[in-house]
């Protein structure tokens, strides 16, 4: 009797079993990859939010801590700090168009300084000659006055919310078109705006401190508002103005 020849290949059951097992393995690997991808994306988004919030805190606190005077306006969404920057090297009268200062390196190329009750707009800061030149005396409705040698020259910084971005202004006239954006995609966390002066009031007195509270979010939809699906991070800090 002739022995039957053994057939080569796989049976239908074996093929189906192998296919099912392969599909399960691929699905498991793909599911794990997707899960880790989401974790990585969420972690990256959180790190991005944390970095933006930390940068905003550093910028806001560095200016506020050096303030000699602080004020909050625009419903709590604008903080102005007055900082002593340098002193005069010589006295000036009400008509002088240049200010000789101890150092001019701390000033922007052009802007506004404050001596006593007078605001003075200058057109050029010259570090080598230690001079602020092309000055407009009695700027912004103030009165041009005489100032003694060693009078303190102040500068003012304004941090303000316009739309959903916190801006920094050092020139005396806040304008989002020319000012530096510090933190984009933010919103106040309360009804009183971003900034407050504690223990109370809008103008800072001795021993006052500045409180800032805002929410950073990732504007995935680019619609200028925070949607429920977009991750966010609430940020708050307080800082004493040490020169007050």
Protein backbone atom coordinates (compact mmCIF):
# COMPACT_ATOMS: atom_id res chain seq x y z
CA UNK A 1 0.00 0.00 0.00
CA UNK A 2 1.46 3.34 -1.01
CA UNK A 3 1.93 5.81 1.89
CA UNK A 4 0.14 9.09 1.55
CA UNK A 5 2.38 12.07 0.84
CA UNK A 6 2.49 14.74 3.62
CA UNK A 7 1.07 18.06 2.45
CA UNK A 8 3.26 21.17 2.82
CA UNK A 9 2.08 24.64 4.02
CA UNK A 10 -0.36 25.77 6.71
CA UNK A 11 -3.90 24.88 7.38
CA UNK A 12 -6.63 27.51 7.35
CA UNK A 13 -6.87 27.35 11.13
CA UNK A 14 -3.15 27.98 11.49
CA UNK A 15 -3.28 30.95 9.11
CA UNK A 16 -6.23 32.48 10.94
CA UNK A 17 -4.54 31.96 14.30
CA UNK A 18 -1.29 33.55 13.09
CA UNK A 19 -3.14 36.48 11.54
CA UNK A 20 -5.12 37.08 14.72
CA UNK A 21 -1.99 36.90 16.86
CA UNK A 22 -0.14 39.30 14.55
CA UNK A 23 -3.05 41.74 14.61
CA UNK A 24 -3.13 41.63 18.40
CA UNK A 25 0.61 42.24 18.60
CA UNK A 26 0.51 45.11 16.12
CA UNK A 27 -2.52 46.61 17.86
CA UNK A 28 -0.82 46.38 21.25
CA UNK A 29 2.37 47.98 19.97
CA UNK A 30 0.42 50.69 18.16
CA UNK A 31 -1.73 51.37 21.22
CA UNK A 32 1.36 51.66 23.42
CA UNK A 33 2.98 54.00 20.91
CA UNK A 34 -0.12 56.20 20.77
CA UNK A 35 -0.37 56.28 24.56
CA UNK A 36 3.28 57.28 24.96
CA UNK A 37 2.91 59.86 22.20
CA UNK A 38 0.00 61.45 24.04
CA UNK A 39 1.95 61.41 27.30
CA UNK A 40 4.91 63.04 25.56
CA UNK A 41 2.69 65.67 23.95
CA UNK A 42 0.90 66.44 27.20
CA UNK A 43 4.19 66.61 29.07
CA UNK A 44 5.70 68.91 26.45
CA UNK A 45 2.65 71.17 26.59
CA UNK A 46 2.87 71.37 30.38
CA UNK A 47 6.58 72.15 30.24
CA UNK A 48 5.89 74.87 27.68
CA UNK A 49 3.22 76.41 29.92
CA UNK A 50 5.50 76.20 32.95
CA UNK A 51 8.36 77.84 31.04
CA UNK A 52 6.16 80.72 29.87
CA UNK A 53 4.70 81.26 33.33
CA UNK A 54 8.14 81.18 34.95
CA UNK A 55 9.52 83.68 32.45
CA UNK A 56 6.58 85.99 33.09
CA UNK A 57 7.08 85.75 36.85
CA UNK A 58 10.79 86.54 36.53
CA UNK A 59 10.17 89.60 34.35
CA UNK A 60 7.33 90.95 36.47
CA UNK A 61 9.00 90.33 39.82
CA UNK A 62 12.40 91.75 38.79
CA UNK A 63 10.86 95.12 37.95
CA UNK A 64 8.42 95.18 40.87
CA UNK A 65 11.00 94.29 43.50
CA UNK A 66 13.19 97.30 42.59
CA UNK A 67 10.33 99.80 42.61
CA UNK A 68 10.29 103.03 44.56
CA UNK A 69 6.62 103.55 43.67
CA UNK A 70 3.96 101.24 42.25
CA UNK A 71 0.50 101.85 40.82
CA UNK A 72 -2.21 99.71 39.25
CA UNK A 73 -4.63 100.97 36.60
CA UNK A 74 -6.96 99.81 33.80
CA UNK A 75 -9.10 97.67 36.04
CA UNK A 76 -6.13 95.79 37.44
CA UNK A 77 -4.55 94.96 34.08
CA UNK A 78 -1.72 97.52 34.09
CA UNK A 79 1.11 97.81 36.61
CA UNK A 80 3.46 100.82 36.57
CA UNK A 81 6.65 100.73 38.63
CA UNK A 82 8.95 103.70 39.22
CA UNK A 83 12.61 102.75 39.68
CA UNK A 84 15.61 104.90 40.67
CA UNK A 85 18.07 104.51 37.79
CA UNK A 86 20.90 107.01 38.34
CA UNK A 87 21.65 110.56 39.53
CA UNK A 88 22.53 113.83 37.82
CA UNK A 89 26.23 114.71 37.52
CA UNK A 90 25.42 118.42 37.33
CA UNK A 91 22.48 120.70 38.04
CA UNK A 92 20.08 121.60 35.23
CA UNK A 93 17.73 124.52 34.81
CA UNK A 94 14.33 124.51 33.15
CA UNK A 95 15.75 125.10 29.65
CA UNK A 96 18.57 122.56 29.45
CA UNK A 97 18.07 120.03 26.64
CA UNK A 98 20.69 117.56 27.88
CA UNK A 99 21.05 115.69 31.15
CA UNK A 100 24.50 114.70 32.41
CA UNK A 101 24.00 111.54 34.44
CA UNK A 102 26.19 109.20 36.46
CA UNK A 103 25.53 106.37 34.02
CA UNK A 104 23.48 106.16 30.83
CA UNK A 105 23.89 102.43 30.21
CA UNK A 106 20.69 101.55 32.06
CA UNK A 107 18.44 103.55 29.73
CA UNK A 108 16.74 102.49 26.49
CA UNK A 109 17.99 104.32 23.35
CA UNK A 110 15.10 106.77 23.75
CA UNK A 111 12.34 107.19 26.26
CA UNK A 112 11.16 109.15 29.27
CA UNK A 113 12.80 109.82 32.64
CA UNK A 114 11.39 111.43 35.75
CA UNK A 115 13.10 113.87 38.13
CA UNK A 116 11.00 115.01 41.07
CA UNK A 117 7.63 115.94 39.50
CA UNK A 118 8.92 116.53 35.97
CA UNK A 119 8.77 114.06 33.10
CA UNK A 120 11.55 114.52 30.54
CA UNK A 121 11.50 112.80 27.14
CA UNK A 122 14.96 112.19 25.68
CA UNK A 123 15.86 111.33 22.12
CA UNK A 124 19.21 109.64 22.67
CA UNK A 125 21.00 107.87 25.54
CA UNK A 126 24.79 108.16 25.18
CA UNK A 127 26.68 105.75 27.46
CA UNK A 128 30.15 107.00 26.45
CA UNK A 129 29.44 110.64 27.29
CA UNK A 130 27.02 109.69 30.08
CA UNK A 131 24.38 111.98 28.74
CA UNK A 132 20.70 111.99 27.79
CA UNK A 133 20.35 114.38 24.86
CA UNK A 134 17.61 115.92 22.69
CA UNK A 135 15.41 116.30 25.74
CA UNK A 136 11.87 117.63 25.75
CA UNK A 137 11.35 119.33 29.09
CA UNK A 138 8.03 119.35 30.89
CA UNK A 139 6.85 116.31 28.96
CA UNK A 140 3.31 114.91 29.23
CA UNK A 141 1.81 117.98 30.89
CA UNK A 142 4.42 118.33 33.64
CA UNK A 143 6.35 121.53 34.40
CA UNK A 144 9.99 122.07 33.43
CA UNK A 145 11.96 122.79 36.59
CA UNK A 146 15.44 123.26 37.96
CA UNK A 147 17.08 120.17 39.45
CA UNK A 148 20.12 120.06 41.70
CA UNK A 149 23.26 118.00 41.24
CA UNK A 150 22.83 114.42 42.52
CA UNK A 151 19.07 114.54 41.98
CA UNK A 152 17.67 111.04 41.43
CA UNK A 153 16.68 110.17 37.88
CA UNK A 154 13.83 107.66 37.73
CA UNK A 155 12.49 105.45 34.98
CA UNK A 156 9.06 103.87 34.75
CA UNK A 157 8.15 100.45 33.43
CA UNK A 158 4.62 99.43 32.62
CA UNK A 159 3.43 95.84 32.43
CA UNK A 160 -0.02 95.63 30.91
CA UNK A 161 -2.50 93.19 29.41
CA UNK A 162 -3.69 93.93 25.90
CA UNK A 163 -5.98 91.31 24.44
CA UNK A 164 -4.46 88.04 25.63
CA UNK A 165 -0.81 89.13 25.89
CA UNK A 166 1.14 90.80 28.71
CA UNK A 167 3.44 93.51 27.30
CA UNK A 168 6.40 95.44 28.71
CA UNK A 169 6.82 99.16 28.04
CA UNK A 170 9.84 101.29 28.96
CA UNK A 171 9.23 104.29 26.74
CA UNK A 172 6.45 106.04 28.62
CA UNK A 173 3.69 105.50 26.04
CA UNK A 174 2.42 101.89 26.04
CA UNK A 175 1.72 100.55 22.56
CA UNK A 176 1.38 96.84 21.66
CA UNK A 177 2.74 97.58 18.18
CA UNK A 178 6.16 98.56 19.55
CA UNK A 179 6.32 97.10 23.07
CA UNK A 180 7.86 93.77 24.02
CA UNK A 181 5.42 90.87 24.48
CA UNK A 182 6.30 88.99 27.66
CA UNK A 183 3.64 86.29 28.03
CA UNK A 184 1.22 85.39 25.21
CA UNK A 185 -2.11 83.59 25.62
CA UNK A 186 -3.04 84.62 29.16
CA UNK A 187 -6.22 85.64 30.96
CA UNK A 188 -6.96 86.97 34.46
CA UNK A 189 -7.97 84.36 37.00
CA UNK A 190 -10.32 86.74 38.82
CA UNK A 191 -12.67 89.64 38.20
CA UNK A 192 -10.18 92.22 39.49
CA UNK A 193 -7.65 91.91 36.67
CA UNK A 194 -4.12 90.56 36.80
CA UNK A 195 -2.46 92.98 39.25
CA UNK A 196 -3.28 94.03 42.80
CA UNK A 197 -1.49 96.08 45.42
CA UNK A 198 -1.71 94.62 48.91
CA UNK A 199 -2.80 95.11 51.61
CA UNK A 200 -5.20 97.31 49.64
CA UNK A 201 -5.64 100.23 47.29
CA UNK A 202 -4.45 101.12 43.83
CA UNK A 203 -1.42 103.21 44.83
CA UNK A 204 1.49 101.73 46.68
CA UNK A 205 2.51 102.94 50.13
CA UNK A 206 5.46 101.83 52.21
CA UNK A 207 5.50 98.08 52.87
CA UNK A 208 3.08 97.44 50.00
CA UNK A 209 3.51 94.37 47.86
CA UNK A 210 2.45 93.51 44.34
CA UNK A 211 0.31 90.47 43.62
CA UNK A 212 -0.10 89.09 40.11
CA UNK A 213 -2.38 86.23 39.12
CA UNK A 214 -3.03 84.98 35.61
CA UNK A 215 -3.70 81.82 33.63
CA UNK A 216 -1.44 80.69 30.78
CA UNK A 217 -2.98 78.49 28.12
CA UNK A 218 -2.05 76.97 24.78
CA UNK A 219 -4.16 78.57 22.09
CA UNK A 220 -4.32 75.54 19.80
CA UNK A 221 -7.37 76.87 17.98
CA UNK A 222 -5.79 80.31 17.52
CA UNK A 223 -9.06 82.05 18.27
CA UNK A 224 -7.77 84.36 21.00
CA UNK A 225 -9.76 82.65 23.77
CA UNK A 226 -9.18 79.61 25.95
CA UNK A 227 -11.31 76.60 25.06
CA UNK A 228 -12.05 73.78 27.49
CA UNK A 229 -9.90 71.36 25.48
CA UNK A 230 -6.79 73.55 25.69
CA UNK A 231 -4.36 72.94 28.59
CA UNK A 232 -3.80 75.79 31.02
CA UNK A 233 -1.74 76.67 34.09
CA UNK A 234 -2.77 79.09 36.85
CA UNK A 235 0.08 81.28 38.10
CA UNK A 236 0.26 83.66 41.07
CA UNK A 237 3.01 85.42 43.02
CA UNK A 238 3.60 88.29 45.43
CA UNK A 239 6.68 90.49 45.69
CA UNK A 240 7.70 93.33 48.00
CA UNK A 241 8.91 96.59 46.47
CA UNK A 242 12.18 96.87 48.39
CA UNK A 243 12.86 100.56 47.66
CA UNK A 244 9.55 101.84 49.05
